Amino acid sequence: MPTQQEIMVVTGAPPESVARILDAISAAGGGIVGNYSHCAFTNPGSGHFKPGAEADPHVGAVGEVNAVPEIRIETFCTRAAARAVVAAIREAHPYEEPVIYLIPLLSIDDL
């Protein structure tokens, strides 16, 4: 059960990168429940972006609005592991600027 010490981690990535990112998250201490690692919820969607003149996009064209298939990855980690998990995502992610959300979670005892 989530506690105040846990953070939900959300990012989106190309389908072919999901396994590598989940491996990195797990190695950094995220997505672990008891004796299980790589715990995450994923769902498909579409990422939209317009790279600026100085960007070096992994996919898409500079100066144009692009839409590409992505998988949304939702997982979690402790506060203590959050910096390492974010660093691992950035290292494993193919995008120049991956979007990573860190959302504090509450336990039922906090309500």
PDB file of N, CA and C in Angstrom:
ATOM      1  N   MET A   1       0.838  -1.172   0.000  1.00  0.00           N
ATOM      2  CA  MET A   1       0.000   0.000   0.000  1.00  0.00           C
ATOM      3  C   MET A   1       0.889   1.244   0.000  1.00  0.00           C
ATOM      4  N   PRO A   2       0.584   2.251  -0.826  1.00  0.00           N
ATOM      5  CA  PRO A   2       1.398   3.462  -0.856  1.00  0.00           C
ATOM      6  C   PRO A   2       1.417   4.166   0.501  1.00  0.00           C
ATOM      7  N   THR A   3       2.524   4.783   0.816  1.00  0.00           N
ATOM      8  CA  THR A   3       2.643   5.598   2.020  1.00  0.00           C
ATOM      9  C   THR A   3       3.127   6.964   1.616  1.00  0.00           C
ATOM     10  N   GLN A   4       3.241   7.861   2.581  1.00  0.00           N
ATOM     11  CA  GLN A   4       3.745   9.202   2.287  1.00  0.00           C
ATOM     12  C   GLN A   4       5.136   9.144   1.666  1.00  0.00           C
ATOM     13  N   GLN A   5       5.843   8.070   1.900  1.00  0.00           N
ATOM     14  CA  GLN A   5       7.200   7.964   1.397  1.00  0.00           C
ATOM     15  C   GLN A   5       7.268   7.474  -0.044  1.00  0.00           C
ATOM     16  N   GLU A   6       6.118   7.329  -0.709  1.00  0.00           N
ATOM     17  CA  GLU A   6       6.142   6.827  -2.073  1.00  0.00           C
ATOM     18  C   GLU A   6       5.712   7.884  -3.072  1.00  0.00           C
ATOM     19  N   ILE A   7       6.248   7.753  -4.261  1.00  0.00           N
ATOM     20  CA  ILE A   7       6.031   8.687  -5.356  1.00  0.00           C
ATOM     21  C   ILE A   7       5.543   7.904  -6.568  1.00  0.00           C
ATOM     22  N   MET A   8       4.505   8.397  -7.237  1.00  0.00           N
ATOM     23  CA  MET A   8       4.114   7.820  -8.522  1.00  0.00           C
ATOM     24  C   MET A   8       5.018   8.462  -9.586  1.00  0.00           C
ATOM     25  N   VAL A   9       5.543   7.645 -10.464  1.00  0.00           N
ATOM     26  CA  VAL A   9       6.422   8.101 -11.540  1.00  0.00           C
ATOM     27  C   VAL A   9       5.716   7.809 -12.855  1.00  0.00           C
ATOM     28  N   VAL A  10       5.566   8.835 -13.693  1.00  0.00           N
ATOM     29  CA  VAL A  10       4.874   8.686 -14.970  1.00  0.00           C
ATOM     30  C   VAL A  10       5.750   9.269 -16.073  1.00  0.00           C
ATOM     31  N   THR A  11       5.877   8.524 -17.156  1.00  0.00           N
ATOM     32  CA  THR A  11       6.577   9.023 -18.338  1.00  0.00           C
ATOM     33  C   THR A  11       5.963   8.361 -19.568  1.00  0.00           C
ATOM     34  N   GLY A  12       6.263   8.871 -20.722  1.00  0.00           N
ATOM     35  CA  GLY A  12       5.842   8.270 -21.981  1.00  0.00           C
ATOM     36  C   GLY A  12       7.072   7.959 -22.816  1.00  0.00           C
ATOM     37  N   ALA A  13       6.989   6.902 -23.621  1.00  0.00           N
ATOM     38  CA  ALA A  13       8.147   6.492 -24.410  1.00  0.00           C
ATOM     39  C   ALA A  13       7.689   5.742 -25.655  1.00  0.00           C
ATOM     40  N   PRO A  14       8.549   5.684 -26.671  1.00  0.00           N
ATOM     41  CA  PRO A  14       8.220   4.863 -27.838  1.00  0.00           C
ATOM     42  C   PRO A  14       8.069   3.404 -27.404  1.00  0.00           C
ATOM     43  N   PRO A  15       7.177   2.659 -28.048  1.00  0.00           N
ATOM     44  CA  PRO A  15       6.943   1.265 -27.652  1.00  0.00           C
ATOM     45  C   PRO A  15       8.215   0.421 -27.549  1.00  0.00           C
ATOM     46  N   GLU A  16       9.144   0.620 -28.455  1.00  0.00           N
ATOM     47  CA  GLU A  16      10.357  -0.199 -28.466  1.00  0.00           C
ATOM     48  C   GLU A  16      11.308   0.118 -27.307  1.00  0.00           C
ATOM     49  N   SER A  17      11.059   1.186 -26.559  1.00  0.00           N
ATOM     50  CA  SER A  17      11.932   1.588 -25.448  1.00  0.00           C
ATOM     51  C   SER A  17      11.395   1.204 -24.084  1.00  0.00           C
ATOM     52  N   VAL A  18      10.172   0.726 -24.005  1.00  0.00           N
ATOM     53  CA  VAL A  18       9.525   0.471 -22.717  1.00  0.00           C
ATOM     54  C   VAL A  18      10.288  -0.549 -21.880  1.00  0.00           C
ATOM     55  N   ALA A  19      10.675  -1.674 -22.446  1.00  0.00           N
ATOM     56  CA  ALA A  19      11.379  -2.708 -21.673  1.00  0.00           C
ATOM     57  C   ALA A  19      12.687  -2.167 -21.102  1.00  0.00           C
ATOM     58  N   ARG A  20      13.437  -1.414 -21.883  1.00  0.00           N
ATOM     59  CA  ARG A  20      14.714  -0.849 -21.427  1.00  0.00           C
ATOM     60  C   ARG A  20      14.476   0.138 -20.277  1.00  0.00           C
ATOM     61  N   ILE A  21      13.430   0.953 -20.383  1.00  0.00           N
ATOM     62  CA  ILE A  21      13.123   1.931 -19.339  1.00  0.00           C
ATOM     63  C   ILE A  21      12.660   1.223 -18.065  1.00  0.00           C
ATOM     64  N   LEU A  22      11.820   0.200 -18.189  1.00  0.00           N
ATOM     65  CA  LEU A  22      11.393  -0.547 -17.007  1.00  0.00           C
ATOM     66  C   LEU A  22      12.573  -1.252 -16.334  1.00  0.00           C
ATOM     67  N   ASP A  23      13.500  -1.776 -17.120  1.00  0.00           N
ATOM     68  CA  ASP A  23      14.715  -2.374 -16.544  1.00  0.00           C
ATOM     69  C   ASP A  23      15.498  -1.329 -15.745  1.00  0.00           C
ATOM     70  N   ALA A  24      15.629  -0.130 -16.304  1.00  0.00           N
ATOM     71  CA  ALA A  24      16.377   0.947 -15.639  1.00  0.00           C
ATOM     72  C   ALA A  24      15.684   1.381 -14.353  1.00  0.00           C
ATOM     73  N   ILE A  25      14.360   1.529 -14.401  1.00  0.00           N
ATOM     74  CA  ILE A  25      13.594   1.912 -13.211  1.00  0.00           C
ATOM     75  C   ILE A  25      13.786   0.872 -12.114  1.00  0.00           C
ATOM     76  N   SER A  26      13.663  -0.402 -12.471  1.00  0.00           N
ATOM     77  CA  SER A  26      13.814  -1.477 -11.497  1.00  0.00           C
ATOM     78  C   SER A  26      15.217  -1.497 -10.897  1.00  0.00           C
ATOM     79  N   ALA A  27      16.229  -1.341 -11.732  1.00  0.00           N
ATOM     80  CA  ALA A  27      17.615  -1.342 -11.249  1.00  0.00           C
ATOM     81  C   ALA A  27      17.886  -0.180 -10.287  1.00  0.00           C
ATOM     82  N   ALA A  28      17.130   0.922 -10.445  1.00  0.00           N
ATOM     83  CA  ALA A  28      17.298   2.091  -9.584  1.00  0.00           C
ATOM     84  C   ALA A  28      16.433   2.021  -8.325  1.00  0.00           C
ATOM     85  N   GLY A  29      15.658   0.952  -8.173  1.00  0.00           N
ATOM     86  CA  GLY A  29      14.860   0.785  -6.964  1.00  0.00           C
ATOM     87  C   GLY A  29      13.396   1.136  -7.103  1.00  0.00           C
ATOM     88  N   GLY A  30      12.914   1.352  -8.309  1.00  0.00           N
ATOM     89  CA  GLY A  30      11.503   1.675  -8.521  1.00  0.00           C
ATOM     90  C   GLY A  30      10.713   0.479  -8.994  1.00  0.00           C
ATOM     91  N   GLY A  31       9.383   0.594  -8.916  1.00  0.00           N
ATOM     92  CA  GLY A  31       8.506  -0.463  -9.421  1.00  0.00           C
ATOM     93  C   GLY A  31       8.632  -1.783  -8.703  1.00  0.00           C
ATOM     94  N   ILE A  32       8.921  -1.743  -7.403  1.00  0.00           N
ATOM     95  CA  ILE A  32       9.115  -2.973  -6.642  1.00  0.00           C
ATOM     96  C   ILE A  32       7.999  -3.132  -5.619  1.00  0.00           C
ATOM     97  N   VAL A  33       7.357  -4.306  -5.634  1.00  0.00           N
ATOM     98  CA  VAL A  33       6.319  -4.659  -4.658  1.00  0.00           C
ATOM     99  C   VAL A  33       6.682  -6.024  -4.099  1.00  0.00           C
ATOM    100  N   GLY A  34       7.079  -6.057  -2.844  1.00  0.00           N
ATOM    101  CA  GLY A  34       7.455  -7.334  -2.233  1.00  0.00           C
ATOM    102  C   GLY A  34       8.539  -8.029  -3.030  1.00  0.00           C
ATOM    103  N   ASN A  35       8.240  -9.221  -3.516  1.00  0.00           N
ATOM    104  CA  ASN A  35       9.200 -10.005  -4.290  1.00  0.00           C
ATOM    105  C   ASN A  35       9.065  -9.793  -5.793  1.00  0.00           C
ATOM    106  N   TYR A  36       8.369  -8.738  -6.206  1.00  0.00           N
ATOM    107  CA  TYR A  36       8.143  -8.465  -7.621  1.00  0.00           C
ATOM    108  C   TYR A  36       8.856  -7.183  -8.027  1.00  0.00           C
ATOM    109  N   SER A  37       9.478  -7.214  -9.194  1.00  0.00           N
ATOM    110  CA  SER A  37      10.092  -6.010  -9.760  1.00  0.00           C
ATOM    111  C   SER A  37       9.383  -5.685 -11.077  1.00  0.00           C
ATOM    112  N   HIS A  38       9.737  -4.592 -11.696  1.00  0.00           N
ATOM    113  CA  HIS A  38       9.185  -4.155 -12.977  1.00  0.00           C
ATOM    114  C   HIS A  38       7.673  -3.928 -12.901  1.00  0.00           C
ATOM    115  N   CYS A  39       7.153  -3.603 -11.717  1.00  0.00           N
ATOM    116  CA  CYS A  39       5.716  -3.370 -11.558  1.00  0.00           C
ATOM    117  C   CYS A  39       5.362  -2.010 -12.160  1.00  0.00           C
ATOM    118  N   ALA A  40       4.443  -2.029 -13.094  1.00  0.00           N
ATOM    119  CA  ALA A  40       4.041  -0.799 -13.778  1.00  0.00           C
ATOM    120  C   ALA A  40       2.728  -1.040 -14.494  1.00  0.00           C
ATOM    121  N   PHE A  41       2.044   0.027 -14.785  1.00  0.00           N
ATOM    122  CA  PHE A  41       0.880  -0.016 -15.652  1.00  0.00           C
ATOM    123  C   PHE A  41       1.257   0.743 -16.904  1.00  0.00           C
ATOM    124  N   THR A  42       0.963   0.176 -18.070  1.00  0.00           N
ATOM    125  CA  THR A  42       1.273   0.858 -19.330  1.00  0.00           C
ATOM    126  C   THR A  42       0.020   0.913 -20.189  1.00  0.00           C
ATOM    127  N   ASN A  43      -0.089   1.971 -20.950  1.00  0.00           N
ATOM    128  CA  ASN A  43      -1.177   2.059 -21.923  1.00  0.00           C
ATOM    129  C   ASN A  43      -0.730   2.905 -23.108  1.00  0.00           C
ATOM    130  N   PRO A  44      -1.244   2.580 -24.293  1.00  0.00           N
ATOM    131  CA  PRO A  44      -0.822   3.288 -25.502  1.00  0.00           C
ATOM    132  C   PRO A  44      -1.519   4.638 -25.641  1.00  0.00           C
ATOM    133  N   GLY A  45      -0.843   5.518 -26.332  1.00  0.00           N
ATOM    134  CA  GLY A  45      -1.389   6.839 -26.603  1.00  0.00           C
ATOM    135  C   GLY A  45      -0.589   7.509 -27.703  1.00  0.00           C
ATOM    136  N   SER A  46      -0.707   8.807 -27.758  1.00  0.00           N
ATOM    137  CA  SER A  46      -0.027   9.588 -28.785  1.00  0.00           C
ATOM    138  C   SER A  46       0.668  10.771 -28.127  1.00  0.00           C
ATOM    139  N   GLY A  47       1.960  10.926 -28.397  1.00  0.00           N
ATOM    140  CA  GLY A  47       2.728  12.066 -27.894  1.00  0.00           C
ATOM    141  C   GLY A  47       2.762  13.163 -28.948  1.00  0.00           C
ATOM    142  N   HIS A  48       2.523  14.393 -28.526  1.00  0.00           N
ATOM    143  CA  HIS A  48       2.498  15.544 -29.443  1.00  0.00           C
ATOM    144  C   HIS A  48       3.570  16.542 -29.022  1.00  0.00           C
ATOM    145  N   PHE A  49       4.311  17.077 -29.974  1.00  0.00           N
ATOM    146  CA  PHE A  49       5.390  18.017 -29.667  1.00  0.00           C
ATOM    147  C   PHE A  49       5.805  18.765 -30.923  1.00  0.00           C
ATOM    148  N   LYS A  50       6.412  19.926 -30.703  1.00  0.00           N
ATOM    149  CA  LYS A  50       6.949  20.743 -31.807  1.00  0.00           C
ATOM    150  C   LYS A  50       8.372  21.131 -31.428  1.00  0.00           C
ATOM    151  N   PRO A  51       9.378  20.482 -32.021  1.00  0.00           N
ATOM    152  CA  PRO A  51      10.763  20.800 -31.692  1.00  0.00           C
ATOM    153  C   PRO A  51      11.146  22.203 -32.166  1.00  0.00           C
ATOM    154  N   GLY A  52      11.838  22.941 -31.292  1.00  0.00           N
ATOM    155  CA  GLY A  52      12.355  24.254 -31.657  1.00  0.00           C
ATOM    156  C   GLY A  52      13.581  24.146 -32.538  1.00  0.00           C
ATOM    157  N   ALA A  53      14.058  25.289 -33.011  1.00  0.00           N
ATOM    158  CA  ALA A  53      15.176  25.343 -33.965  1.00  0.00           C
ATOM    159  C   ALA A  53      16.443  24.675 -33.429  1.00  0.00           C
ATOM    160  N   GLU A  54      16.679  24.729 -32.124  1.00  0.00           N
ATOM    161  CA  GLU A  54      17.894  24.157 -31.527  1.00  0.00           C
ATOM    162  C   GLU A  54      17.715  22.709 -31.071  1.00  0.00           C
ATOM    163  N   ALA A  55      16.531  22.141 -31.236  1.00  0.00           N
ATOM    164  CA  ALA A  55      16.258  20.779 -30.772  1.00  0.00           C
ATOM    165  C   ALA A  55      16.906  19.736 -31.676  1.00  0.00           C
ATOM    166  N   ASP A  56      17.116  18.576 -31.101  1.00  0.00           N
ATOM    167  CA  ASP A  56      17.630  17.423 -31.832  1.00  0.00           C
ATOM    168  C   ASP A  56      16.685  16.252 -31.568  1.00  0.00           C
ATOM    169  N   PRO A  57      15.488  16.262 -32.179  1.00  0.00           N
ATOM    170  CA  PRO A  57      14.474  15.263 -31.844  1.00  0.00           C
ATOM    171  C   PRO A  57      14.852  13.846 -32.259  1.00  0.00           C
ATOM    172  N   HIS A  58      14.462  12.888 -31.424  1.00  0.00           N
ATOM    173  CA  HIS A  58      14.652  11.460 -31.711  1.00  0.00           C
ATOM    174  C   HIS A  58      13.822  11.060 -32.928  1.00  0.00           C
ATOM    175  N   VAL A  59      12.606  11.609 -33.012  1.00  0.00           N
ATOM    176  CA  VAL A  59      11.705  11.409 -34.143  1.00  0.00           C
ATOM    177  C   VAL A  59      11.047  12.744 -34.452  1.00  0.00           C
ATOM    178  N   GLY A  60      10.440  12.851 -35.619  1.00  0.00           N
ATOM    179  CA  GLY A  60       9.728  14.075 -35.979  1.00  0.00           C
ATOM    180  C   GLY A  60      10.637  15.116 -36.601  1.00  0.00           C
ATOM    181  N   ALA A  61      10.022  16.216 -36.996  1.00  0.00           N
ATOM    182  CA  ALA A  61      10.747  17.266 -37.697  1.00  0.00           C
ATOM    183  C   ALA A  61      10.772  18.557 -36.890  1.00  0.00           C
ATOM    184  N   VAL A  62      11.914  19.237 -36.913  1.00  0.00           N
ATOM    185  CA  VAL A  62      12.065  20.541 -36.259  1.00  0.00           C
ATOM    186  C   VAL A  62      11.083  21.523 -36.889  1.00  0.00           C
ATOM    187  N   GLY A  63      10.430  22.316 -36.037  1.00  0.00           N
ATOM    188  CA  GLY A  63       9.523  23.350 -36.516  1.00  0.00           C
ATOM    189  C   GLY A  63       8.131  22.866 -36.900  1.00  0.00           C
ATOM    190  N   GLU A  64       7.867  21.584 -36.767  1.00  0.00           N
ATOM    191  CA  GLU A  64       6.551  21.041 -37.106  1.00  0.00           C
ATOM    192  C   GLU A  64       5.940  20.363 -35.886  1.00  0.00           C
ATOM    193  N   VAL A  65       4.614  20.451 -35.774  1.00  0.00           N
ATOM    194  CA  VAL A  65       3.918  19.705 -34.734  1.00  0.00           C
ATOM    195  C   VAL A  65       3.909  18.242 -35.162  1.00  0.00           C
ATOM    196  N   ASN A  66       4.405  17.395 -34.297  1.00  0.00           N
ATOM    197  CA  ASN A  66       4.518  15.966 -34.568  1.00  0.00           C
ATOM    198  C   ASN A  66       3.620  15.191 -33.610  1.00  0.00           C
ATOM    199  N   ALA A  67       3.119  14.067 -34.060  1.00  0.00           N
ATOM    200  CA  ALA A  67       2.367  13.138 -33.213  1.00  0.00           C
ATOM    201  C   ALA A  67       2.925  11.745 -33.460  1.00  0.00           C
ATOM    202  N   VAL A  68       3.349  11.089 -32.383  1.00  0.00           N
ATOM    203  CA  VAL A  68       3.960   9.765 -32.508  1.00  0.00           C
ATOM    204  C   VAL A  68       3.344   8.800 -31.492  1.00  0.00           C
ATOM    205  N   PRO A  69       3.314   7.502 -31.821  1.00  0.00           N
ATOM    206  CA  PRO A  69       2.818   6.515 -30.854  1.00  0.00           C
ATOM    207  C   PRO A  69       3.747   6.454 -29.642  1.00  0.00           C
ATOM    208  N   GLU A  70       3.155   6.459 -28.469  1.00  0.00           N
ATOM    209  CA  GLU A  70       3.912   6.323 -27.226  1.00  0.00           C
ATOM    210  C   GLU A  70       3.183   5.385 -26.295  1.00  0.00           C
ATOM    211  N   ILE A  71       3.919   4.852 -25.357  1.00  0.00           N
ATOM    212  CA  ILE A  71       3.354   4.072 -24.264  1.00  0.00           C
ATOM    213  C   ILE A  71       3.539   4.887 -22.989  1.00  0.00           C
ATOM    214  N   ARG A  72       2.454   5.094 -22.261  1.00  0.00           N
ATOM    215  CA  ARG A  72       2.531   5.775 -20.972  1.00  0.00           C
ATOM    216  C   ARG A  72       2.918   4.729 -19.932  1.00  0.00           C
ATOM    217  N   ILE A  73       3.946   5.017 -19.164  1.00  0.00           N
ATOM    218  CA  ILE A  73       4.432   4.140 -18.114  1.00  0.00           C
ATOM    219  C   ILE A  73       4.094   4.783 -16.773  1.00  0.00           C
ATOM    220  N   GLU A  74       3.355   4.052 -15.940  1.00  0.00           N
ATOM    221  CA  GLU A  74       3.033   4.517 -14.591  1.00  0.00           C
ATOM    222  C   GLU A  74       3.610   3.510 -13.607  1.00  0.00           C
ATOM    223  N   THR A  75       4.464   3.983 -12.715  1.00  0.00           N
ATOM    224  CA  THR A  75       5.055   3.123 -11.705  1.00  0.00           C
ATOM    225  C   THR A  75       5.255   3.952 -10.445  1.00  0.00           C
ATOM    226  N   PHE A  76       6.112   3.530  -9.543  1.00  0.00           N
ATOM    227  CA  PHE A  76       6.276   4.232  -8.283  1.00  0.00           C
ATOM    228  C   PHE A  76       7.639   3.912  -7.699  1.00  0.00           C
ATOM    229  N   CYS A  77       7.998   4.694  -6.693  1.00  0.00           N
ATOM    230  CA  CYS A  77       9.235   4.454  -5.958  1.00  0.00           C
ATOM    231  C   CYS A  77       9.137   5.161  -4.618  1.00  0.00           C
ATOM    232  N   THR A  78      10.084   4.880  -3.747  1.00  0.00           N
ATOM    233  CA  THR A  78      10.155   5.613  -2.484  1.00  0.00           C
ATOM    234  C   THR A  78      10.768   6.981  -2.762  1.00  0.00           C
ATOM    235  N   ARG A  79      10.559   7.888  -1.826  1.00  0.00           N
ATOM    236  CA  ARG A  79      11.193   9.208  -1.952  1.00  0.00           C
ATOM    237  C   ARG A  79      12.711   9.061  -2.015  1.00  0.00           C
ATOM    238  N   ALA A  80      13.243   8.140  -1.243  1.00  0.00           N
ATOM    239  CA  ALA A  80      14.696   7.941  -1.204  1.00  0.00           C
ATOM    240  C   ALA A  80      15.249   7.508  -2.558  1.00  0.00           C
ATOM    241  N   ALA A  81      14.454   6.787  -3.338  1.00  0.00           N
ATOM    242  CA  ALA A  81      14.919   6.292  -4.640  1.00  0.00           C
ATOM    243  C   ALA A  81      14.565   7.217  -5.804  1.00  0.00           C
ATOM    244  N   ALA A  82      13.774   8.250  -5.565  1.00  0.00           N
ATOM    245  CA  ALA A  82      13.234   9.073  -6.654  1.00  0.00           C
ATOM    246  C   ALA A  82      14.311   9.691  -7.553  1.00  0.00           C
ATOM    247  N   ARG A  83      15.348  10.260  -6.983  1.00  0.00           N
ATOM    248  CA  ARG A  83      16.407  10.870  -7.823  1.00  0.00           C
ATOM    249  C   ARG A  83      17.092   9.825  -8.704  1.00  0.00           C
ATOM    250  N   ALA A  84      17.369   8.665  -8.130  1.00  0.00           N
ATOM    251  CA  ALA A  84      18.016   7.599  -8.898  1.00  0.00           C
ATOM    252  C   ALA A  84      17.089   7.084  -9.999  1.00  0.00           C
ATOM    253  N   VAL A  85      15.789   6.972  -9.705  1.00  0.00           N
ATOM    254  CA  VAL A  85      14.835   6.505 -10.710  1.00  0.00           C
ATOM    255  C   VAL A  85      14.743   7.504 -11.857  1.00  0.00           C
ATOM    256  N   VAL A  86      14.650   8.791 -11.545  1.00  0.00           N
ATOM    257  CA  VAL A  86      14.590   9.812 -12.606  1.00  0.00           C
ATOM    258  C   VAL A  86      15.873   9.786 -13.439  1.00  0.00           C
ATOM    259  N   ALA A  87      17.022   9.694 -12.790  1.00  0.00           N
ATOM    260  CA  ALA A  87      18.296   9.629 -13.527  1.00  0.00           C
ATOM    261  C   ALA A  87      18.329   8.389 -14.429  1.00  0.00           C
ATOM    262  N   ALA A  88      17.825   7.264 -13.945  1.00  0.00           N
ATOM    263  CA  ALA A  88      17.810   6.032 -14.736  1.00  0.00           C
ATOM    264  C   ALA A  88      16.891   6.168 -15.945  1.00  0.00           C
ATOM    265  N   ILE A  89      15.740   6.798 -15.751  1.00  0.00           N
ATOM    266  CA  ILE A  89      14.831   7.016 -16.883  1.00  0.00           C
ATOM    267  C   ILE A  89      15.514   7.881 -17.935  1.00  0.00           C
ATOM    268  N   ARG A  90      16.112   8.980 -17.496  1.00  0.00           N
ATOM    269  CA  ARG A  90      16.788   9.882 -18.455  1.00  0.00           C
ATOM    270  C   ARG A  90      17.897   9.152 -19.223  1.00  0.00           C
ATOM    271  N   GLU A  91      18.621   8.279 -18.544  1.00  0.00           N
ATOM    272  CA  GLU A  91      19.712   7.536 -19.183  1.00  0.00           C
ATOM    273  C   GLU A  91      19.180   6.529 -20.200  1.00  0.00           C
ATOM    274  N   ALA A  92      18.078   5.863 -19.876  1.00  0.00           N
ATOM    275  CA  ALA A  92      17.539   4.806 -20.742  1.00  0.00           C
ATOM    276  C   ALA A  92      16.627   5.330 -21.845  1.00  0.00           C
ATOM    277  N   HIS A  93      16.103   6.530 -21.673  1.00  0.00           N
ATOM    278  CA  HIS A  93      15.099   7.088 -22.590  1.00  0.00           C
ATOM    279  C   HIS A  93      15.762   7.614 -23.865  1.00  0.00           C
ATOM    280  N   PRO A  94      15.152   7.363 -25.023  1.00  0.00           N
ATOM    281  CA  PRO A  94      15.759   7.849 -26.272  1.00  0.00           C
ATOM    282  C   PRO A  94      15.524   9.341 -26.539  1.00  0.00           C
ATOM    283  N   TYR A  95      14.553   9.947 -25.860  1.00  0.00           N
ATOM    284  CA  TYR A  95      14.220  11.347 -26.136  1.00  0.00           C
ATOM    285  C   TYR A  95      15.239  12.302 -25.531  1.00  0.00           C
ATOM    286  N   GLU A  96      15.457  13.400 -26.218  1.00  0.00           N
ATOM    287  CA  GLU A  96      16.336  14.461 -25.741  1.00  0.00           C
ATOM    288  C   GLU A  96      15.799  15.052 -24.433  1.00  0.00           C
ATOM    289  N   GLU A  97      14.490  15.238 -24.338  1.00  0.00           N
ATOM    290  CA  GLU A  97      13.844  15.829 -23.172  1.00  0.00           C
ATOM    291  C   GLU A  97      12.637  14.991 -22.745  1.00  0.00           C
ATOM    292  N   PRO A  98      12.842  13.842 -22.105  1.00  0.00           N
ATOM    293  CA  PRO A  98      11.677  13.057 -21.688  1.00  0.00           C
ATOM    294  C   PRO A  98      10.893  13.793 -20.600  1.00  0.00           C
ATOM    295  N   VAL A  99       9.576  13.713 -20.685  1.00  0.00           N
ATOM    296  CA  VAL A  99       8.719  14.285 -19.652  1.00  0.00           C
ATOM    297  C   VAL A  99       8.556  13.228 -18.563  1.00  0.00           C
ATOM    298  N   ILE A 100       8.837  13.617 -17.330  1.00  0.00           N
ATOM    299  CA  ILE A 100       8.738  12.702 -16.187  1.00  0.00           C
ATOM    300  C   ILE A 100       7.954  13.417 -15.096  1.00  0.00           C
ATOM    301  N   TYR A 101       6.833  12.818 -14.682  1.00  0.00           N
ATOM    302  CA  TYR A 101       6.031  13.366 -13.599  1.00  0.00           C
ATOM    303  C   TYR A 101       6.336  12.604 -12.318  1.00  0.00           C
ATOM    304  N   LEU A 102       6.486  13.332 -11.223  1.00  0.00           N
ATOM    305  CA  LEU A 102       6.652  12.747  -9.887  1.00  0.00           C
ATOM    306  C   LEU A 102       5.467  13.227  -9.057  1.00  0.00           C
ATOM    307  N   ILE A 103       4.634  12.294  -8.620  1.00  0.00           N
ATOM    308  CA  ILE A 103       3.395  12.639  -7.937  1.00  0.00           C
ATOM    309  C   ILE A 103       3.412  11.996  -6.550  1.00  0.00           C
ATOM    310  N   PRO A 104       3.397  12.799  -5.477  1.00  0.00           N
ATOM    311  CA  PRO A 104       3.379  12.211  -4.130  1.00  0.00           C
ATOM    312  C   PRO A 104       2.096  11.415  -3.903  1.00  0.00           C
ATOM    313  N   LEU A 105       2.212  10.260  -3.264  1.00  0.00           N
ATOM    314  CA  LEU A 105       1.065   9.409  -2.963  1.00  0.00           C
ATOM    315  C   LEU A 105       0.755   9.449  -1.475  1.00  0.00           C
ATOM    316  N   LEU A 106      -0.509   9.307  -1.156  1.00  0.00           N
ATOM    317  CA  LEU A 106      -0.966   9.257   0.222  1.00  0.00           C
ATOM    318  C   LEU A 106      -1.413   7.847   0.568  1.00  0.00           C
ATOM    319  N   SER A 107      -1.319   7.489   1.830  1.00  0.00           N
ATOM    320  CA  SER A 107      -1.900   6.232   2.276  1.00  0.00           C
ATOM    321  C   SER A 107      -3.261   6.542   2.875  1.00  0.00           C
ATOM    322  N   ILE A 108      -4.049   5.523   3.090  1.00  0.00           N
ATOM    323  CA  ILE A 108      -5.369   5.704   3.679  1.00  0.00           C
ATOM    324  C   ILE A 108      -5.251   6.332   5.063  1.00  0.00           C
ATOM    325  N   ASP A 109      -4.141   6.113   5.751  1.00  0.00           N
ATOM    326  CA  ASP A 109      -3.902   6.701   7.083  1.00  0.00           C
ATOM    327  C   ASP A 109      -3.703   8.206   7.021  1.00  0.00           C
ATOM    328  N   ASP A 110      -3.384   8.730   5.842  1.00  0.00           N
ATOM    329  CA  ASP A 110      -3.173  10.167   5.681  1.00  0.00           C
ATOM    330  C   ASP A 110      -4.472  10.930   5.471  1.00  0.00           C
ATOM    331  N   LEU A 111      -5.578  10.219   5.283  1.00  0.00           N
ATOM    332  CA  LEU A 111      -6.861  10.873   4.984  1.00  0.00           C
ATOM    333  C   LEU A 111      -7.647  11.180   6.229  1.00  0.00           C
TER     334      LEU A 111
END
